[in-house]
C-alpha atoms as a PDB file:
ATOM      1  CA  UNK A   1      78.705 120.467 133.087  1.00  0.00           C
ATOM      2  CA  UNK A   2      75.374 122.133 132.937  1.00  0.00           C
ATOM      3  CA  UNK A   3      73.868 123.015 136.576  1.00  0.00           C
ATOM      4  CA  UNK A   4      71.422 120.370 137.848  1.00  0.00           C
ATOM      5  CA  UNK A   5      69.934 122.785 140.177  1.00  0.00           C
ATOM      6  CA  UNK A   6      69.110 124.944 137.266  1.00  0.00           C
ATOM      7  CA  UNK A   7      67.169 122.156 135.318  1.00  0.00           C
ATOM      8  CA  UNK A   8      65.209 121.209 138.525  1.00  0.00           C
ATOM      9  CA  UNK A   9      63.908 124.852 139.183  1.00  0.00           C
ATOM     10  CA  UNK A  10      63.162 125.431 135.544  1.00  0.00           C
ATOM     11  CA  UNK A  11      60.849 121.614 135.843  1.00  0.00           C
ATOM     12  CA  UNK A  12      59.307 122.638 139.191  1.00  0.00           C
ATOM     13  CA  UNK A  13      58.312 126.264 137.866  1.00  0.00           C
ATOM     14  CA  UNK A  14      56.872 124.750 135.011  1.00  0.00           C
ATOM     15  CA  UNK A  15      54.959 122.140 136.949  1.00  0.00           C
ATOM     16  CA  UNK A  16      54.051 124.525 139.547  1.00  0.00           C
ATOM     17  CA  UNK A  17      50.266 124.091 140.237  1.00  0.00           C
ATOM     18  CA  UNK A  18      49.811 120.988 138.300  1.00  0.00           C
ATOM     19  CA  UNK A  19      49.537 117.311 139.542  1.00  0.00           C
ATOM     20  CA  UNK A  20      52.855 116.531 137.857  1.00  0.00           C
ATOM     21  CA  UNK A  21      55.828 115.542 139.528  1.00  0.00           C
ATOM     22  CA  UNK A  22      59.392 115.436 139.258  1.00  0.00           C
ATOM     23  CA  UNK A  23      60.619 112.026 139.729  1.00  0.00           C
ATOM     24  CA  UNK A  24      64.615 112.308 138.602  1.00  0.00           C
ATOM     25  CA  UNK A  25      67.082 114.487 136.652  1.00  0.00           C
ATOM     26  CA  UNK A  26      70.062 112.952 135.324  1.00  0.00           C
ATOM     27  CA  UNK A  27      73.076 114.579 133.671  1.00  0.00           C
ATOM     28  CA  UNK A  28      75.738 112.845 132.279  1.00  0.00           C
ATOM     29  CA  UNK A  29      79.480 114.464 131.833  1.00  0.00           C
ATOM     30  CA  UNK A  30      78.858 114.990 128.210  1.00  0.00           C
ATOM     31  CA  UNK A  31      75.813 117.371 129.291  1.00  0.00           C
ATOM     32  CA  UNK A  32      72.944 114.731 128.179  1.00  0.00           C
ATOM     33  CA  UNK A  33      70.263 115.787 130.537  1.00  0.00           C
ATOM     34  CA  UNK A  34      67.482 113.410 131.146  1.00  0.00           C
ATOM     35  CA  UNK A  35      64.238 114.480 133.160  1.00  0.00           C
ATOM     36  CA  UNK A  36      61.826 111.889 134.337  1.00  0.00           C
ATOM     37  CA  UNK A  37      58.225 113.377 135.316  1.00  0.00           C
ATOM     38  CA  UNK A  38      55.025 111.697 136.128  1.00  0.00           C
ATOM     39  CA  UNK A  39      51.721 112.382 136.621  1.00  0.00           C
ATOM     40  CA  UNK A  40      48.658 110.151 138.468  1.00  0.00           C
ATOM     41  CA  UNK A  41      46.710 110.333 135.047  1.00  0.00           C
ATOM     42  CA  UNK A  42      49.992 109.470 132.834  1.00  0.00           C
ATOM     43  CA  UNK A  43      52.142 111.978 130.777  1.00  0.00           C
ATOM     44  CA  UNK A  44      51.434 113.065 127.238  1.00  0.00           C
ATOM     45  CA  UNK A  45      53.781 114.514 124.718  1.00  0.00           C
ATOM     46  CA  UNK A  46      52.374 118.423 125.148  1.00  0.00           C
ATOM     47  CA  UNK A  47      53.594 118.416 128.725  1.00  0.00           C
ATOM     48  CA  UNK A  48      57.117 116.856 127.916  1.00  0.00           C
ATOM     49  CA  UNK A  49      57.102 119.819 124.857  1.00  0.00           C
ATOM     50  CA  UNK A  50      55.903 122.164 127.495  1.00  0.00           C
ATOM     51  CA  UNK A  51      58.681 121.136 129.938  1.00  0.00           C
ATOM     52  CA  UNK A  52      61.131 121.009 127.226  1.00  0.00           C
ATOM     53  CA  UNK A  53      60.738 124.942 126.360  1.00  0.00           C
ATOM     54  CA  UNK A  54      60.872 125.962 129.905  1.00  0.00           C
ATOM     55  CA  UNK A  55      63.881 124.467 130.419  1.00  0.00           C
ATOM     56  CA  UNK A  56      65.452 125.845 127.306  1.00  0.00           C
ATOM     57  CA  UNK A  57      64.148 129.097 128.249  1.00  0.00           C
ATOM     58  CA  UNK A  58      66.273 129.113 131.622  1.00  0.00           C
ATOM     59  CA  UNK A  59      69.536 127.111 130.170  1.00  0.00           C
ATOM     60  CA  UNK A  60      71.069 129.064 127.191  1.00  0.00           C
ATOM     61  CA  UNK A  61      72.424 126.561 124.637  1.00  0.00           C
ATOM     62  CA  UNK A  62      74.993 129.442 123.429  1.00  0.00           C
ATOM     63  CA  UNK A  63      76.461 129.477 126.967  1.00  0.00           C
ATOM     64  CA  UNK A  64      76.683 125.755 127.478  1.00  0.00           C
ATOM     65  CA  UNK A  65      75.495 123.132 124.648  1.00  0.00           C
ATOM     66  CA  UNK A  66      73.541 120.243 126.246  1.00  0.00           C
ATOM     67  CA  UNK A  67      71.232 117.411 124.646  1.00  0.00           C
ATOM     68  CA  UNK A  68      67.771 117.602 126.237  1.00  0.00           C
ATOM     69  CA  UNK A  69      65.252 114.609 126.935  1.00  0.00           C
ATOM     70  CA  UNK A  70      62.144 114.749 128.798  1.00  0.00           C
ATOM     71  CA  UNK A  71      59.774 111.861 129.249  1.00  0.00           C
ATOM     72  CA  UNK A  72      57.755 110.019 131.812  1.00  0.00           C
ATOM     73  CA  UNK A  73      59.279 107.645 134.328  1.00  0.00           C
ATOM     74  CA  UNK A  74      59.162 104.375 132.706  1.00  0.00           C
ATOM     75  CA  UNK A  75      56.344 101.649 133.673  1.00  0.00           C
ATOM     76  CA  UNK A  76      58.870  99.123 134.337  1.00  0.00           C
ATOM     77  CA  UNK A  77      61.441 101.383 136.277  1.00  0.00           C
ATOM     78  CA  UNK A  78      61.705 101.355 140.200  1.00  0.00           C
ATOM     79  CA  UNK A  79      59.738 103.866 142.071  1.00  0.00           C
ATOM     80  CA  UNK A  80      62.094 106.851 142.926  1.00  0.00           C
ATOM     81  CA  UNK A  81      59.649 109.535 144.510  1.00  0.00           C
ATOM     82  CA  UNK A  82      56.564 109.173 146.854  1.00  0.00           C
ATOM     83  CA  UNK A  83      54.145 110.780 144.000  1.00  0.00           C
ATOM     84  CA  UNK A  84      55.001 107.370 142.483  1.00  0.00           C
ATOM     85  CA  UNK A  85      53.817 105.204 145.185  1.00  0.00           C
ATOM     86  CA  UNK A  86      50.706 107.214 145.690  1.00  0.00           C
ATOM     87  CA  UNK A  87      50.062 106.993 141.990  1.00  0.00           C
ATOM     88  CA  UNK A  88      50.280 103.051 142.204  1.00  0.00           C
ATOM     89  CA  UNK A  89      47.644 102.543 145.282  1.00  0.00           C
ATOM     90  CA  UNK A  90      45.339 100.035 144.501  1.00  0.00           C
ATOM     91  CA  UNK A  91      47.902  98.530 141.590  1.00  0.00           C
ATOM     92  CA  UNK A  92      50.007  94.913 141.740  1.00  0.00           C
ATOM     93  CA  UNK A  93      53.717  95.800 143.029  1.00  0.00           C
ATOM     94  CA  UNK A  94      56.830  93.838 143.259  1.00  0.00           C
ATOM     95  CA  UNK A  95      58.791  94.191 146.075  1.00  0.00           C
ATOM     96  CA  UNK A  96      62.651  93.719 146.504  1.00  0.00           C
ATOM     97  CA  UNK A  97      63.969  93.817 149.765  1.00  0.00           C
ATOM     98  CA  UNK A  98      67.393  94.699 151.162  1.00  0.00           C
ATOM     99  CA  UNK A  99      67.731  91.111 152.324  1.00  0.00           C
ATOM    100  CA  UNK A 100      67.081  89.760 149.065  1.00  0.00           C
ATOM    101  CA  UNK A 101      63.124  88.879 149.411  1.00  0.00           C
ATOM    102  CA  UNK A 102      60.756  89.239 146.384  1.00  0.00           C
ATOM    103  CA  UNK A 103      57.267  90.238 147.641  1.00  0.00           C
ATOM    104  CA  UNK A 104      54.349  90.553 145.129  1.00  0.00           C
ATOM    105  CA  UNK A 105      51.054  92.198 146.599  1.00  0.00           C
ATOM    106  CA  UNK A 106      48.708  95.275 145.970  1.00  0.00           C
ATOM    107  CA  UNK A 107      50.103  98.470 147.370  1.00  0.00           C
ATOM    108  CA  UNK A 108      47.391  99.957 150.097  1.00  0.00           C
ATOM    109  CA  UNK A 109      48.826 102.699 151.488  1.00  0.00           C
ATOM    110  CA  UNK A 110      51.753 105.137 151.481  1.00  0.00           C
ATOM    111  CA  UNK A 111      53.078 107.399 154.412  1.00  0.00           C
ATOM    112  CA  UNK A 112      56.229 109.379 154.638  1.00  0.00           C
ATOM    113  CA  UNK A 113      58.517 106.737 155.753  1.00  0.00           C
ATOM    114  CA  UNK A 114      56.700 103.512 155.103  1.00  0.00           C
ATOM    115  CA  UNK A 115      54.064 102.015 152.632  1.00  0.00           C
ATOM    116  CA  UNK A 116      51.565  98.984 153.182  1.00  0.00           C
ATOM    117  CA  UNK A 117      50.566  96.351 150.653  1.00  0.00           C
ATOM    118  CA  UNK A 118      48.891  93.096 150.804  1.00  0.00           C
ATOM    119  CA  UNK A 119      49.906  89.560 149.992  1.00  0.00           C
ATOM    120  CA  UNK A 120      48.325  86.535 149.722  1.00  0.00           C
ATOM    121  CA  UNK A 121      49.903  83.211 151.381  1.00  0.00           C
ATOM    122  CA  UNK A 122      49.052  79.656 151.728  1.00  0.00           C
ATOM    123  CA  UNK A 123      48.303  79.020 155.365  1.00  0.00           C
ATOM    124  CA  UNK A 124      47.428  75.960 157.223  1.00  0.00           C
ATOM    125  CA  UNK A 125      44.385  76.717 159.238  1.00  0.00           C
ATOM    126  CA  UNK A 126      43.642  74.704 162.453  1.00  0.00           C
ATOM    127  CA  UNK A 127      40.881  72.349 161.877  1.00  0.00           C
ATOM    128  CA  UNK A 128      41.421  72.216 158.098  1.00  0.00           C
ATOM    129  CA  UNK A 129      42.901  69.801 155.788  1.00  0.00           C
ATOM    130  CA  UNK A 130      44.183  72.167 153.114  1.00  0.00           C
ATOM    131  CA  UNK A 131      46.116  75.184 153.141  1.00  0.00           C
ATOM    132  CA  UNK A 132      44.018  78.157 152.380  1.00  0.00           C
ATOM    133  CA  UNK A 133      44.827  81.611 150.878  1.00  0.00           C
ATOM    134  CA  UNK A 134      44.993  84.412 153.303  1.00  0.00           C
ATOM    135  CA  UNK A 135      45.498  88.027 152.851  1.00  0.00           C
ATOM    136  CA  UNK A 136      48.153  89.657 154.802  1.00  0.00           C
ATOM    137  CA  UNK A 137      48.922  93.375 155.221  1.00  0.00           C
ATOM    138  CA  UNK A 138      52.809  94.412 155.583  1.00  0.00           C
ATOM    139  CA  UNK A 139      54.091  97.566 156.622  1.00  0.00           C
ATOM    140  CA  UNK A 140      57.458  98.125 155.013  1.00  0.00           C
ATOM    141  CA  UNK A 141      59.572 100.955 155.688  1.00  0.00           C
ATOM    142  CA  UNK A 142      60.874 102.586 152.072  1.00  0.00           C
ATOM    143  CA  UNK A 143      64.420 102.469 153.397  1.00  0.00           C
ATOM    144  CA  UNK A 144      64.406  98.735 153.622  1.00  0.00           C
ATOM    145  CA  UNK A 145      63.951  98.087 150.197  1.00  0.00           C
ATOM    146  CA  UNK A 146      65.939  97.778 147.127  1.00  0.00           C
ATOM    147  CA  UNK A 147      63.493  98.548 144.584  1.00  0.00           C
ATOM    148  CA  UNK A 148      59.720  98.527 144.294  1.00  0.00           C
ATOM    149  CA  UNK A 149      58.057  98.376 140.526  1.00  0.00           C
ATOM    150  CA  UNK A 150      54.814  98.248 139.050  1.00  0.00           C
ATOM    151  CA  UNK A 151      53.755  94.587 138.243  1.00  0.00           C
ATOM    152  CA  UNK A 152      52.930  94.225 134.803  1.00  0.00           C
ATOM    153  CA  UNK A 153      50.613  91.595 134.093  1.00  0.00           C
ATOM    154  CA  UNK A 154      49.250  90.437 130.477  1.00  0.00           C
END
């Protein structure tokens, strides 16, 4: 099986000094290599081609045959690295917590181990007849989530 670290090193070398970041590298037992990258402004085909060529320059197909796919992390895929959190600050997200709660809000801030998002909820305020919508900031440890995804709205 092809060496995963070889692929990671080739990608990191190709994206050095850019705002592109590596999301994931997956290698199946039959040597299908899938590389996911992202960028705050999106990923274009030229970027994928550049990274593909960089990998092919490092991993000789004559030594070990492999199938290679380089693309952007899917819009509906869960966030895997901090760069995806930073990219989505100000966007709507869906958070699935480890205890089974599903929360929707707007991503506000990211730190090394937590992220902050704002949810809107109905609250019965004292002196009011009807509940009103109130924004509440939630600070969530990244480790306490099963998944965080971008909330696509049509």
